[in-house]
C-alpha atoms as a PDB file:
ATOM      1  CA  MET A   1     -19.931   0.928 -45.517  1.00  0.00           C
ATOM      2  CA  SER A   2     -19.456   3.711 -42.968  1.00  0.00           C
ATOM      3  CA  ILE A   3     -17.922   3.535 -39.515  1.00  0.00           C
ATOM      4  CA  PRO A   4     -20.392   4.062 -36.670  1.00  0.00           C
ATOM      5  CA  GLU A   5     -19.978   7.388 -34.846  1.00  0.00           C
ATOM      6  CA  ASP A   6     -19.867   5.759 -31.389  1.00  0.00           C
ATOM      7  CA  PHE A   7     -16.858   3.775 -32.615  1.00  0.00           C
ATOM      8  CA  LEU A   8     -15.076   7.009 -33.536  1.00  0.00           C
ATOM      9  CA  SER A   9     -16.165   8.970 -30.465  1.00  0.00           C
ATOM     10  CA  ASP A  10     -13.949   6.908 -28.129  1.00  0.00           C
ATOM     11  CA  LEU A  11     -10.816   7.720 -30.119  1.00  0.00           C
ATOM     12  CA  ASP A  12      -8.434  10.663 -29.950  1.00  0.00           C
ATOM     13  CA  PRO A  13      -8.642  13.263 -32.758  1.00  0.00           C
ATOM     14  CA  SER A  14      -5.390  12.008 -34.316  1.00  0.00           C
ATOM     15  CA  GLU A  15      -6.724   8.450 -34.371  1.00  0.00           C
ATOM     16  CA  ARG A  16     -10.017   9.589 -35.927  1.00  0.00           C
ATOM     17  CA  THR A  17      -8.069  11.500 -38.581  1.00  0.00           C
ATOM     18  CA  VAL A  18      -6.108   8.393 -39.617  1.00  0.00           C
ATOM     19  CA  ILE A  19      -9.307   6.389 -39.921  1.00  0.00           C
ATOM     20  CA  GLN A  20     -11.066   9.112 -41.904  1.00  0.00           C
ATOM     21  CA  ARG A  21      -8.078   9.493 -44.245  1.00  0.00           C
ATOM     22  CA  SER A  22      -8.188   5.768 -44.900  1.00  0.00           C
ATOM     23  CA  LEU A  23     -11.559   6.346 -46.590  1.00  0.00           C
ATOM     24  CA  THR A  24     -10.187   6.835 -50.113  1.00  0.00           C
ATOM     25  CA  ALA A  25     -11.495   5.391 -53.339  1.00  0.00           C
ATOM     26  CA  ASN A  26      -8.203   3.525 -53.857  1.00  0.00           C
ATOM     27  CA  THR A  27      -8.262   1.733 -50.498  1.00  0.00           C
ATOM     28  CA  ALA A  28     -10.044  -1.565 -50.330  1.00  0.00           C
ATOM     29  CA  GLU A  29     -12.788  -1.854 -47.722  1.00  0.00           C
ATOM     30  CA  ALA A  30     -10.984  -4.711 -45.994  1.00  0.00           C
ATOM     31  CA  ASN A  31      -7.819  -2.642 -45.560  1.00  0.00           C
ATOM     32  CA  ARG A  32      -9.788   0.298 -44.200  1.00  0.00           C
ATOM     33  CA  VAL A  33     -11.591  -1.928 -41.688  1.00  0.00           C
ATOM     34  CA  GLN A  34      -8.285  -3.512 -40.681  1.00  0.00           C
ATOM     35  CA  VAL A  35      -6.689  -0.092 -40.113  1.00  0.00           C
ATOM     36  CA  ALA A  36      -9.712   1.053 -38.122  1.00  0.00           C
ATOM     37  CA  SER A  37      -9.710  -2.121 -36.030  1.00  0.00           C
ATOM     38  CA  GLN A  38      -6.004  -1.911 -35.293  1.00  0.00           C
ATOM     39  CA  ILE A  39      -6.244   1.717 -34.225  1.00  0.00           C
ATOM     40  CA  TYR A  40      -9.306   0.999 -32.110  1.00  0.00           C
ATOM     41  CA  LEU A  41      -7.548  -1.915 -30.384  1.00  0.00           C
ATOM     42  CA  ALA A  42      -4.364   0.118 -29.901  1.00  0.00           C
ATOM     43  CA  HIS A  43      -6.382   2.939 -28.373  1.00  0.00           C
ATOM     44  CA  HIS A  44      -8.137   0.661 -25.902  1.00  0.00           C
ATOM     45  CA  THR A  45      -4.905  -1.163 -25.107  1.00  0.00           C
ATOM     46  CA  ARG A  46      -3.259   2.170 -24.314  1.00  0.00           C
ATOM     47  CA  THR A  47      -6.137   3.388 -22.137  1.00  0.00           C
ATOM     48  CA  ALA A  48      -6.350   0.029 -20.348  1.00  0.00           C
ATOM     49  CA  GLY A  49      -2.599   0.159 -19.743  1.00  0.00           C
ATOM     50  CA  ALA A  50      -2.930   3.644 -18.278  1.00  0.00           C
ATOM     51  CA  ARG A  51      -5.726   2.478 -15.972  1.00  0.00           C
ATOM     52  CA  VAL A  52      -3.646  -0.509 -14.844  1.00  0.00           C
ATOM     53  CA  ALA A  53      -0.653   1.771 -14.207  1.00  0.00           C
ATOM     54  CA  ASP A  54      -2.849   4.105 -12.126  1.00  0.00           C
ATOM     55  CA  ALA A  55      -4.221   1.165 -10.143  1.00  0.00           C
ATOM     56  CA  VAL A  56      -0.741  -0.241  -9.506  1.00  0.00           C
ATOM     57  CA  GLY A  57       0.505   3.184  -8.431  1.00  0.00           C
ATOM     58  CA  SER A  58      -2.414   3.565  -6.057  1.00  0.00           C
ATOM     59  CA  LEU A  59      -1.837   0.096  -4.646  1.00  0.00           C
ATOM     60  CA  ALA A  60       1.877   0.781  -4.176  1.00  0.00           C
ATOM     61  CA  SER A  61       1.254   4.017  -2.278  1.00  0.00           C
ATOM     62  CA  THR A  62      -1.418   2.331  -0.141  1.00  0.00           C
ATOM     63  CA  LEU A  63       0.974  -0.495   0.720  1.00  0.00           C
ATOM     64  CA  GLU A  64       3.714   2.002   1.496  1.00  0.00           C
ATOM     65  CA  ARG A  65       1.428   3.866   3.913  1.00  0.00           C
ATOM     66  CA  ALA A  66       0.292   0.576   5.491  1.00  0.00           C
ATOM     67  CA  PHE A  67       3.896  -0.561   6.046  1.00  0.00           C
ATOM     68  CA  ALA A  68       4.788   2.819   7.559  1.00  0.00           C
ATOM     69  CA  ASP A  69       1.766   2.657   9.886  1.00  0.00           C
ATOM     70  CA  HIS A  70       2.678  -0.905  10.857  1.00  0.00           C
ATOM     71  CA  ALA A  71       6.271   0.117  11.613  1.00  0.00           C
ATOM     72  CA  ARG A  72       5.036   2.985  13.813  1.00  0.00           C
ATOM     73  CA  ALA A  73       2.676   0.624  15.659  1.00  0.00           C
ATOM     74  CA  LEU A  74       5.503  -1.857  16.257  1.00  0.00           C
ATOM     75  CA  GLN A  75       7.753   0.943  17.531  1.00  0.00           C
ATOM     76  CA  ALA A  76       5.026   2.166  19.903  1.00  0.00           C
ATOM     77  CA  ALA A  77       4.446  -1.382  21.170  1.00  0.00           C
ATOM     78  CA  ALA A  78       8.178  -1.878  21.760  1.00  0.00           C
ATOM     79  CA  GLU A  79       8.413   1.392  23.704  1.00  0.00           C
ATOM     80  CA  SER A  80       5.389   0.463  25.793  1.00  0.00           C
ATOM     81  CA  SER A  81       6.818  -2.969  26.501  1.00  0.00           C
ATOM     82  CA  GLU A  82      10.132  -1.422  27.543  1.00  0.00           C
ATOM     83  CA  ARG A  83       8.381   0.960  29.976  1.00  0.00           C
ATOM     84  CA  TYR A  84       6.419  -1.959  31.441  1.00  0.00           C
ATOM     85  CA  ALA A  85       9.594  -4.032  31.836  1.00  0.00           C
ATOM     86  CA  ARG A  86      11.361  -1.133  33.626  1.00  0.00           C
ATOM     87  CA  GLY A  87       8.412  -0.853  36.008  1.00  0.00           C
ATOM     88  CA  LEU A  88       8.544  -4.577  36.751  1.00  0.00           C
ATOM     89  CA  THR A  89      12.303  -4.360  37.389  1.00  0.00           C
ATOM     90  CA  ARG A  90      11.804  -1.512  39.874  1.00  0.00           C
ATOM     91  CA  ALA A  91       9.016  -3.425  41.631  1.00  0.00           C
ATOM     92  CA  THR A  92      11.242  -6.519  41.850  1.00  0.00           C
ATOM     93  CA  TRP A  93      14.092  -4.515  43.404  1.00  0.00           C
ATOM     94  CA  ALA A  94      11.625  -2.950  45.881  1.00  0.00           C
ATOM     95  CA  LEU A  95      10.502  -6.449  46.920  1.00  0.00           C
ATOM     96  CA  VAL A  96      14.139  -7.527  47.283  1.00  0.00           C
ATOM     97  CA  ALA A  97      14.811  -4.490  49.508  1.00  0.00           C
ATOM     98  CA  ALA A  98      11.700  -5.198  51.610  1.00  0.00           C
ATOM     99  CA  THR A  99      12.722  -8.841  51.992  1.00  0.00           C
ATOM    100  CA  VAL A 100      16.258  -7.858  53.037  1.00  0.00           C
ATOM    101  CA  GLY A 101      14.754  -5.409  55.537  1.00  0.00           C
ATOM    102  CA  LEU A 102      12.501  -8.105  57.005  1.00  0.00           C
ATOM    103  CA  VAL A 103      15.432 -10.538  57.237  1.00  0.00           C
ATOM    104  CA  LEU A 104      17.513  -7.913  59.072  1.00  0.00           C
ATOM    105  CA  LEU A 105      14.635  -7.181  61.475  1.00  0.00           C
ATOM    106  CA  THR A 106      14.164 -10.911  62.132  1.00  0.00           C
ATOM    107  CA  VAL A 107      17.897 -11.354  62.741  1.00  0.00           C
ATOM    108  CA  ALA A 108      17.897  -8.325  65.088  1.00  0.00           C
ATOM    109  CA  GLN A 109      14.957  -9.714  67.045  1.00  0.00           C
ATOM    110  CA  VAL A 110      16.556 -13.134  67.315  1.00  0.00           C
ATOM    111  CA  TRP A 111      19.860 -11.525  68.414  1.00  0.00           C
ATOM    112  CA  ARG A 112      18.085  -9.605  71.173  1.00  0.00           C
ATOM    113  CA  GLY A 113      16.446 -12.741  72.394  1.00  0.00           C
ATOM    114  CA  HIS A 114      12.785 -12.177  71.880  1.00  0.00           C
END
């Protein structure tokens, strides 16, 4: 029984060599199939692991960028809020000054007798 070529084409050259060397007259067919199956599974486990590692790395860098962008947005919002609060404080003090001015004018008018 021969191994299908599409089975071997997915494997690395070193893996194909081990499978082809297992094709001796002294090796039982069951042992050869077991060796081939184990190598095939190991190969696909390794490639799947590499794909998972790449995906996790990509996800980690995406999350890192998202957290950095979020931190910058929070910083910008805090700065904007601080500028707005300073403007409100100045406006409040201007109203206090205007009120004090009106009180002084009213007191002056009452003092003069009008």
